[in-house]
Amino acid sequence: MVSQTSFAEFPANLDLIAGDGRVLISLDLQTNILAWLTPVAVILIMVLGGMAMANRSSWGWAIGAVSGIAIAFGAPQIVTWVRGMFGV
């Protein structure tokens, strides 16, 4: 059972929880993973950009990495946007 204090952390998601803490735990996990991967993504972009500028790798790899990171970090917003388009 999830305590009442943990519900206060995500007041906008109370309708998703419906008495079950699994959704709350998954939101915490997603937040923690994104917090850890943010500096890794920044360093990756710097390295790939530097390699592409030095002609050590293709610009396609750098653009692909930027696109993948944008999709990975923007997934919640993308899902909300697509669901809004189809009225779900």
N, C-alpha and C. Protein backbone atom coordinates (compact mmCIF):
# COMPACT_ATOMS: atom_id res chain seq x y z
N MET A 1 0.85 -1.18 0.00
CA MET A 1 0.00 0.00 0.00
C MET A 1 0.90 1.24 0.00
N VAL A 2 0.54 2.22 -0.76
CA VAL A 2 1.30 3.45 -0.87
C VAL A 2 0.78 4.44 0.16
N SER A 3 1.73 5.09 0.83
CA SER A 3 1.31 6.02 1.87
C SER A 3 0.76 7.30 1.26
N GLN A 4 0.06 8.06 2.04
CA GLN A 4 -0.57 9.30 1.59
C GLN A 4 0.49 10.35 1.23
N THR A 5 1.66 10.31 1.86
CA THR A 5 2.69 11.30 1.58
C THR A 5 3.25 11.12 0.17
N SER A 6 3.30 9.90 -0.35
CA SER A 6 3.83 9.70 -1.70
C SER A 6 2.87 10.23 -2.76
N PHE A 7 1.58 10.27 -2.46
CA PHE A 7 0.63 10.84 -3.40
C PHE A 7 0.84 12.34 -3.56
N ALA A 8 1.34 13.00 -2.54
CA ALA A 8 1.52 14.45 -2.61
C ALA A 8 2.63 14.83 -3.59
N GLU A 9 3.51 13.89 -3.91
CA GLU A 9 4.60 14.21 -4.83
C GLU A 9 4.11 14.41 -6.26
N PHE A 10 3.07 13.69 -6.66
CA PHE A 10 2.54 13.77 -8.01
C PHE A 10 1.04 14.03 -7.97
N PRO A 11 0.62 15.23 -7.57
CA PRO A 11 -0.82 15.47 -7.46
C PRO A 11 -1.55 15.43 -8.80
N ALA A 12 -0.86 15.69 -9.91
CA ALA A 12 -1.52 15.67 -11.21
C ALA A 12 -1.82 14.25 -11.67
N ASN A 13 -1.16 13.26 -11.08
CA ASN A 13 -1.32 11.89 -11.53
C ASN A 13 -2.17 11.05 -10.58
N LEU A 14 -2.91 11.67 -9.71
CA LEU A 14 -3.70 10.91 -8.75
C LEU A 14 -4.77 10.07 -9.45
N ASP A 15 -5.29 10.54 -10.57
CA ASP A 15 -6.31 9.77 -11.27
C ASP A 15 -5.71 8.51 -11.91
N LEU A 16 -4.40 8.50 -12.20
CA LEU A 16 -3.77 7.33 -12.79
C LEU A 16 -3.50 6.24 -11.76
N ILE A 17 -3.29 6.64 -10.52
CA ILE A 17 -2.86 5.68 -9.51
C ILE A 17 -4.01 4.77 -9.09
N ALA A 18 -5.14 5.32 -8.79
CA ALA A 18 -6.35 4.56 -8.44
C ALA A 18 -6.07 3.50 -7.38
N GLY A 19 -5.33 3.88 -6.35
CA GLY A 19 -5.08 2.97 -5.24
C GLY A 19 -3.94 2.01 -5.44
N ASP A 20 -3.24 2.09 -6.56
CA ASP A 20 -2.15 1.18 -6.85
C ASP A 20 -0.87 1.98 -6.99
N GLY A 21 0.17 1.60 -6.29
CA GLY A 21 1.42 2.36 -6.29
C GLY A 21 2.33 2.05 -7.46
N ARG A 22 1.98 1.08 -8.31
CA ARG A 22 2.88 0.71 -9.41
C ARG A 22 3.08 1.85 -10.39
N VAL A 23 2.05 2.62 -10.67
CA VAL A 23 2.19 3.74 -11.61
C VAL A 23 3.10 4.80 -11.00
N LEU A 24 2.93 5.05 -9.71
CA LEU A 24 3.77 6.04 -9.04
C LEU A 24 5.23 5.61 -9.05
N ILE A 25 5.48 4.33 -8.83
CA ILE A 25 6.85 3.83 -8.84
C ILE A 25 7.44 3.94 -10.24
N SER A 26 6.65 3.66 -11.27
CA SER A 26 7.18 3.76 -12.63
C SER A 26 7.47 5.21 -13.00
N LEU A 27 6.67 6.16 -12.50
CA LEU A 27 6.95 7.57 -12.76
C LEU A 27 8.24 7.99 -12.06
N ASP A 28 8.47 7.50 -10.85
CA ASP A 28 9.72 7.79 -10.16
C ASP A 28 10.90 7.20 -10.92
N LEU A 29 10.75 5.98 -11.41
CA LEU A 29 11.82 5.34 -12.15
C LEU A 29 12.15 6.10 -13.43
N GLN A 30 11.11 6.52 -14.15
CA GLN A 30 11.34 7.28 -15.38
C GLN A 30 12.05 8.60 -15.08
N THR A 31 11.65 9.27 -14.02
CA THR A 31 12.29 10.53 -13.64
C THR A 31 13.75 10.31 -13.28
N ASN A 32 14.03 9.25 -12.53
CA ASN A 32 15.42 8.97 -12.14
C ASN A 32 16.28 8.59 -13.34
N ILE A 33 15.75 7.79 -14.24
CA ILE A 33 16.52 7.39 -15.42
C ILE A 33 16.83 8.61 -16.29
N LEU A 34 15.84 9.46 -16.50
CA LEU A 34 16.07 10.66 -17.31
C LEU A 34 17.08 11.60 -16.64
N ALA A 35 17.04 11.67 -15.32
CA ALA A 35 17.99 12.52 -14.61
C ALA A 35 19.42 12.00 -14.77
N TRP A 36 19.59 10.69 -14.77
CA TRP A 36 20.92 10.11 -14.95
C TRP A 36 21.39 10.19 -16.39
N LEU A 37 20.48 10.06 -17.35
CA LEU A 37 20.88 10.03 -18.74
C LEU A 37 21.08 11.41 -19.37
N THR A 38 20.61 12.45 -18.72
CA THR A 38 20.76 13.80 -19.28
C THR A 38 22.23 14.18 -19.49
N PRO A 39 23.10 14.06 -18.48
CA PRO A 39 24.50 14.42 -18.74
C PRO A 39 25.18 13.48 -19.73
N VAL A 40 24.77 12.22 -19.77
CA VAL A 40 25.34 11.27 -20.74
C VAL A 40 24.97 11.71 -22.15
N ALA A 41 23.72 12.14 -22.33
CA ALA A 41 23.27 12.59 -23.65
C ALA A 41 24.02 13.84 -24.09
N VAL A 42 24.25 14.74 -23.17
CA VAL A 42 24.99 15.98 -23.50
C VAL A 42 26.41 15.64 -23.94
N ILE A 43 27.07 14.78 -23.21
CA ILE A 43 28.45 14.40 -23.57
C ILE A 43 28.47 13.65 -24.91
N LEU A 44 27.48 12.78 -25.13
CA LEU A 44 27.41 12.05 -26.39
C LEU A 44 27.25 12.99 -27.58
N ILE A 45 26.39 13.99 -27.43
CA ILE A 45 26.19 14.95 -28.51
C ILE A 45 27.46 15.74 -28.78
N MET A 46 28.18 16.13 -27.73
CA MET A 46 29.43 16.87 -27.92
C MET A 46 30.47 16.01 -28.64
N VAL A 47 30.57 14.75 -28.24
CA VAL A 47 31.55 13.86 -28.86
C VAL A 47 31.19 13.59 -30.31
N LEU A 48 29.93 13.27 -30.58
CA LEU A 48 29.52 13.00 -31.96
C LEU A 48 29.65 14.23 -32.85
N GLY A 49 29.31 15.40 -32.32
CA GLY A 49 29.48 16.64 -33.09
C GLY A 49 30.93 16.92 -33.41
N GLY A 50 31.80 16.72 -32.41
CA GLY A 50 33.23 16.92 -32.63
C GLY A 50 33.80 15.94 -33.64
N MET A 51 33.36 14.68 -33.54
CA MET A 51 33.82 13.68 -34.51
C MET A 51 33.33 13.99 -35.91
N ALA A 52 32.10 14.46 -36.03
CA ALA A 52 31.56 14.79 -37.35
C ALA A 52 32.27 16.00 -37.94
N MET A 53 32.58 16.99 -37.09
CA MET A 53 33.29 18.17 -37.59
C MET A 53 34.71 17.83 -38.01
N ALA A 54 35.34 16.86 -37.34
CA ALA A 54 36.69 16.45 -37.69
C ALA A 54 36.68 15.41 -38.81
N ASN A 55 35.51 15.12 -39.35
CA ASN A 55 35.34 14.16 -40.45
C ASN A 55 35.76 12.75 -40.04
N ARG A 56 35.53 12.39 -38.77
CA ARG A 56 35.82 11.05 -38.28
C ARG A 56 34.59 10.16 -38.29
N SER A 57 33.43 10.76 -38.41
CA SER A 57 32.19 9.99 -38.53
C SER A 57 31.22 10.77 -39.41
N SER A 58 30.18 10.10 -39.80
CA SER A 58 29.19 10.70 -40.68
C SER A 58 28.30 11.67 -39.90
N TRP A 59 27.85 12.72 -40.59
CA TRP A 59 26.89 13.63 -39.95
C TRP A 59 25.58 12.91 -39.69
N GLY A 60 25.31 11.86 -40.44
CA GLY A 60 24.09 11.08 -40.23
C GLY A 60 24.02 10.48 -38.84
N TRP A 61 25.17 10.02 -38.31
CA TRP A 61 25.20 9.48 -36.95
C TRP A 61 24.88 10.56 -35.92
N ALA A 62 25.44 11.74 -36.12
CA ALA A 62 25.18 12.84 -35.17
C ALA A 62 23.72 13.27 -35.24
N ILE A 63 23.18 13.40 -36.44
CA ILE A 63 21.78 13.80 -36.58
C ILE A 63 20.86 12.70 -36.05
N GLY A 64 21.21 11.45 -36.30
CA GLY A 64 20.42 10.33 -35.77
C GLY A 64 20.43 10.29 -34.26
N ALA A 65 21.58 10.57 -33.66
CA ALA A 65 21.67 10.59 -32.20
C ALA A 65 20.84 11.72 -31.61
N VAL A 66 20.89 12.89 -32.23
CA VAL A 66 20.09 14.03 -31.76
C VAL A 66 18.60 13.71 -31.88
N SER A 67 18.21 13.11 -33.00
CA SER A 67 16.80 12.74 -33.18
C SER A 67 16.36 11.70 -32.16
N GLY A 68 17.18 10.70 -31.93
CA GLY A 68 16.85 9.66 -30.95
C GLY A 68 16.74 10.20 -29.54
N ILE A 69 17.64 11.09 -29.18
CA ILE A 69 17.60 11.68 -27.84
C ILE A 69 16.37 12.57 -27.69
N ALA A 70 16.04 13.30 -28.75
CA ALA A 70 14.84 14.15 -28.69
C ALA A 70 13.58 13.30 -28.53
N ILE A 71 13.52 12.19 -29.22
CA ILE A 71 12.35 11.30 -29.10
C ILE A 71 12.32 10.65 -27.72
N ALA A 72 13.48 10.21 -27.22
CA ALA A 72 13.52 9.54 -25.93
C ALA A 72 13.14 10.48 -24.79
N PHE A 73 13.68 11.69 -24.80
CA PHE A 73 13.38 12.63 -23.73
C PHE A 73 12.03 13.31 -23.90
N GLY A 74 11.53 13.36 -25.12
CA GLY A 74 10.24 14.00 -25.36
C GLY A 74 9.09 13.03 -25.47
N ALA A 75 9.31 11.76 -25.13
CA ALA A 75 8.28 10.74 -25.29
C ALA A 75 6.97 11.07 -24.59
N PRO A 76 6.97 11.53 -23.33
CA PRO A 76 5.68 11.84 -22.70
C PRO A 76 4.91 12.94 -23.43
N GLN A 77 5.60 13.95 -23.90
CA GLN A 77 4.94 15.03 -24.62
C GLN A 77 4.45 14.54 -25.98
N ILE A 78 5.21 13.68 -26.64
CA ILE A 78 4.80 13.15 -27.93
C ILE A 78 3.56 12.29 -27.79
N VAL A 79 3.53 11.45 -26.75
CA VAL A 79 2.36 10.60 -26.52
C VAL A 79 1.13 11.45 -26.24
N THR A 80 1.27 12.49 -25.42
CA THR A 80 0.16 13.38 -25.13
C THR A 80 -0.33 14.06 -26.40
N TRP A 81 0.58 14.50 -27.25
CA TRP A 81 0.22 15.18 -28.49
C TRP A 81 -0.52 14.24 -29.43
N VAL A 82 -0.01 12.99 -29.60
CA VAL A 82 -0.66 12.04 -30.50
C VAL A 82 -2.03 11.63 -29.96
N ARG A 83 -2.13 11.42 -28.65
CA ARG A 83 -3.43 11.07 -28.06
C ARG A 83 -4.42 12.21 -28.24
N GLY A 84 -3.95 13.46 -28.14
CA GLY A 84 -4.82 14.59 -28.36
C GLY A 84 -5.30 14.71 -29.80
N MET A 85 -4.43 14.33 -30.75
CA MET A 85 -4.81 14.38 -32.16
C MET A 85 -5.95 13.41 -32.47
N PHE A 86 -5.91 12.23 -31.83
CA PHE A 86 -6.91 11.21 -32.11
C PHE A 86 -8.04 11.21 -31.10
N GLY A 87 -8.03 12.15 -30.17
CA GLY A 87 -9.12 12.27 -29.20
C GLY A 87 -9.21 11.13 -28.21
N VAL A 88 -8.07 10.55 -27.86
CA VAL A 88 -8.06 9.44 -26.90
C VAL A 88 -7.90 9.96 -25.51
